[in-house]
């Protein structure tokens, strides 16, 4: 059974700890992924700016 999010909670996500405990992950809204044109297994960069994380397309 798929749970639907309440209106206004579409962008609230939880951190998930991966097996092994050395990494965490989050799911991203499919609308954002489609809007950015990102694909499965695409390389991304993550950087910390103040108290925020910025996730961007990886460029060589």
C-alpha atoms as a PDB file:
ATOM      1  CA  UNK A   1       0.000   0.000   0.000  1.00  0.00           C
ATOM      2  CA  UNK A   2       1.374   3.381  -0.988  1.00  0.00           C
ATOM      3  CA  UNK A   3       0.989   6.185   1.549  1.00  0.00           C
ATOM      4  CA  UNK A   4       0.000   9.599   0.246  1.00  0.00           C
ATOM      5  CA  UNK A   5       1.496  12.723   1.772  1.00  0.00           C
ATOM      6  CA  UNK A   6      -0.738  15.441   3.140  1.00  0.00           C
ATOM      7  CA  UNK A   7      -1.000  18.733   1.274  1.00  0.00           C
ATOM      8  CA  UNK A   8       1.927  20.921   2.293  1.00  0.00           C
ATOM      9  CA  UNK A   9       4.110  17.933   3.230  1.00  0.00           C
ATOM     10  CA  UNK A  10       5.211  16.949  -0.284  1.00  0.00           C
ATOM     11  CA  UNK A  11       8.759  18.172   0.318  1.00  0.00           C
ATOM     12  CA  UNK A  12       9.264  16.825   3.844  1.00  0.00           C
ATOM     13  CA  UNK A  13      11.659  13.867   3.722  1.00  0.00           C
ATOM     14  CA  UNK A  14      13.416  11.608   6.236  1.00  0.00           C
ATOM     15  CA  UNK A  15      17.050  10.553   6.344  1.00  0.00           C
ATOM     16  CA  UNK A  16      17.625   6.840   5.811  1.00  0.00           C
ATOM     17  CA  UNK A  17      20.727   5.055   7.081  1.00  0.00           C
ATOM     18  CA  UNK A  18      22.214   2.596   4.584  1.00  0.00           C
ATOM     19  CA  UNK A  19      23.493  -0.841   5.503  1.00  0.00           C
ATOM     20  CA  UNK A  20      26.954  -0.584   6.995  1.00  0.00           C
ATOM     21  CA  UNK A  21      26.059   2.696   8.670  1.00  0.00           C
ATOM     22  CA  UNK A  22      28.605   4.909   6.910  1.00  0.00           C
ATOM     23  CA  UNK A  23      26.144   6.694   4.587  1.00  0.00           C
ATOM     24  CA  UNK A  24      22.709   8.265   4.675  1.00  0.00           C
ATOM     25  CA  UNK A  25      20.278   8.973   1.869  1.00  0.00           C
ATOM     26  CA  UNK A  26      17.048  10.790   1.109  1.00  0.00           C
ATOM     27  CA  UNK A  27      14.472  10.407  -1.621  1.00  0.00           C
ATOM     28  CA  UNK A  28      13.894  13.397  -3.871  1.00  0.00           C
ATOM     29  CA  UNK A  29      10.541  14.454  -5.320  1.00  0.00           C
ATOM     30  CA  UNK A  30      10.110  13.006  -8.823  1.00  0.00           C
ATOM     31  CA  UNK A  31       8.891  16.385 -10.103  1.00  0.00           C
ATOM     32  CA  UNK A  32      12.223  18.008  -9.283  1.00  0.00           C
ATOM     33  CA  UNK A  33      14.156  15.149 -10.889  1.00  0.00           C
ATOM     34  CA  UNK A  34      12.123  15.404 -14.085  1.00  0.00           C
ATOM     35  CA  UNK A  35      12.347  19.203 -14.144  1.00  0.00           C
ATOM     36  CA  UNK A  36      16.148  19.030 -13.859  1.00  0.00           C
ATOM     37  CA  UNK A  37      16.380  16.250 -16.460  1.00  0.00           C
ATOM     38  CA  UNK A  38      18.324  13.990 -14.081  1.00  0.00           C
ATOM     39  CA  UNK A  39      18.530  10.254 -14.773  1.00  0.00           C
ATOM     40  CA  UNK A  40      19.033   7.163 -12.630  1.00  0.00           C
ATOM     41  CA  UNK A  41      22.694   6.622 -11.574  1.00  0.00           C
ATOM     42  CA  UNK A  42      23.655  10.122 -12.743  1.00  0.00           C
ATOM     43  CA  UNK A  43      26.665  11.568 -10.924  1.00  0.00           C
ATOM     44  CA  UNK A  44      25.898  14.483  -8.607  1.00  0.00           C
ATOM     45  CA  UNK A  45      28.009  16.694  -6.381  1.00  0.00           C
ATOM     46  CA  UNK A  46      27.087  17.589  -2.804  1.00  0.00           C
ATOM     47  CA  UNK A  47      28.561  20.589  -1.022  1.00  0.00           C
ATOM     48  CA  UNK A  48      27.864  22.242   2.304  1.00  0.00           C
ATOM     49  CA  UNK A  49      27.081  25.968   2.385  1.00  0.00           C
ATOM     50  CA  UNK A  50      26.394  27.191   5.914  1.00  0.00           C
ATOM     51  CA  UNK A  51      23.675  24.910   7.294  1.00  0.00           C
ATOM     52  CA  UNK A  52      22.499  23.766   3.854  1.00  0.00           C
ATOM     53  CA  UNK A  53      23.512  21.023   1.442  1.00  0.00           C
ATOM     54  CA  UNK A  54      23.600  21.877  -2.254  1.00  0.00           C
ATOM     55  CA  UNK A  55      23.104  18.978  -4.694  1.00  0.00           C
ATOM     56  CA  UNK A  56      24.104  19.689  -8.283  1.00  0.00           C
ATOM     57  CA  UNK A  57      24.805  17.876 -11.536  1.00  0.00           C
ATOM     58  CA  UNK A  58      28.431  16.702 -11.663  1.00  0.00           C
ATOM     59  CA  UNK A  59      30.522  18.333 -14.364  1.00  0.00           C
ATOM     60  CA  UNK A  60      33.924  17.039 -15.501  1.00  0.00           C
END
